[in-house]
Amino acid sequence: MAVADGDGRLARGRIWLRELASRWTGTRTFVVSAALLFLLLAWLGALHPFVALVSFAVLAGIAALRVVVTGETAPLRISARGEDAGASILGAGRTMMALLQRLPDPLIVVDGTGRLAFANEAAEGLVGKVAAGRHVATVLRSAPLIAAIESVTRDGTPRSIEYAVPVPVQHNYSAYVAPISSEAEAARKLVLVLLRDVTEARRVESMRADFVAFASHELKTPLASLSGFIDTLRGHAKDDPEARNKFLSIMADQALRMRRLIEDLLSLSRIELREHVRPSDTVDLLGVVNDVTDGLSPVAEQCGVEIGVTAPAGLPKVPGDREELAQVVQNLADNALRYGRSGKRIDISLERAEKGGRPYIRLAVRDYGPGIAKEHLPRLTERFYRVDAAASRARGGTGLGLAIVKHIVNRHQGTLQIESEIGEGSTFAVLLPLASQ
């Protein structure tokens, strides 16, 4: 009797295993497809390998638990009826398409003729929303990337390249270009292009190198002065109160200069790091100008300079970062005070303008000082470029103010214009586009 019971349990176990295997057939297809998908995403770098492994394990566990506990596999089972099989395949295709659309990096597929067959949502900013069917050369406009796509189409060898898009603000991209080895699509020679924006990483590398080069050059003089004065105060001037006070005053000026230089370098580095990111706020530019001029009033009074502000009523707002736009006004006004104070007046004006059929707000800062020779104008926004280096250092300038202005204006999609005549002063104007209504 015990043997019969054992045989019965064994037979029931075999039946249960066969039923489980038949149920697992549809689920297995899903699990294998998910494994291939996560493997592809990890290989392309769209997902971290650990994240892909954990995600697959969770999906596989849910699918297996679903078979064992409920036996419900209808959405995953391929039915004997053709319409159910077609619906299952169509659903899987839609799921795959939705996953590709949600990838954070731009992904496009190009056919053998060089035309776009697919572009996900992240790629729309590069190729446009209606790019399907257009030749890749008309939407990407990058010779290195086009050459890589053509080479992969010819020989089927995957390639990785880096290229830069210089306008309107330089972006750096890393591109992985590979053939899609699907037998069903072999005749079309589809090529996968996965892009990654590496602008921030390249900017960090560039800023690190620039900071070392510029800082070491500009800090050398004040550090040498401080070291020399310290040695003098330790030596024959240690018992000379008059010399000591004079040297301490010079040392304080040099330390202040180094502090300004470091602050401007750090400010410039932060601005360059975000230059490719468009501001999302709107700013009342007249309010910014009034705040800056109020803060400069004590300095202007000491210099005997009058600051005038003119603006029409109802001036619209501009898209921008208020702190950065205040820095633009501050730097331009500081320059006017340093180099144009002999004119005894600074005019800051705001007005509507138009360029290329697009409305702008024009911010202009004019001084009535000695002016700048025309040969210097194209280089004024270069780092540490000075018309008169000695005079600039004597007035506390770091040579970075206009470089900071240029990069802030670039981030705001604006334009910096400089006009000057010897003996007639200088005008620094910034054109900023209006916010969308």
Foldseek 3Di string as FASTA:
>chain_A
DVVVVVVVVVVVVVVVVVLLVLLCPLVVVVLVVLLVVLVVCCVVVLDPNVVSVVVSVVSNVVSSCCCVPPVDRQLRDQDPDPVSNVVSVVVVVVVVLVVQQPRCWWKWKAWLVQATQDIHPNCCVQQNDPRHGPHPCVRNVWVVVSVQQNVCLVPQDKDWDKDWDPPPHIWIKIKIKGWDPDPVCVVGRMIMITIDTCRLVVLVVVLVVVCVVVLCVQLVVLVVLLVVLVVVCVPDCVPPVVSNVVSVVVNVLSVLLNVVLVVLSVLLSVLSSCLQPAADAWDDLVVLLVVLCVVCVVVLVVLLAEEEEEEDPPDAIFGADSVLSSLLSNLLVLVCCLAQSVQRYKYWYWDWDDDPNFIWIKTKIWGFHQKDDPVCVVCQLPAQDDPDNVSCVVSSHRSHSSVSNVSRLSSQVKDWDKDIDGRGTIMIMIIGGHDDD
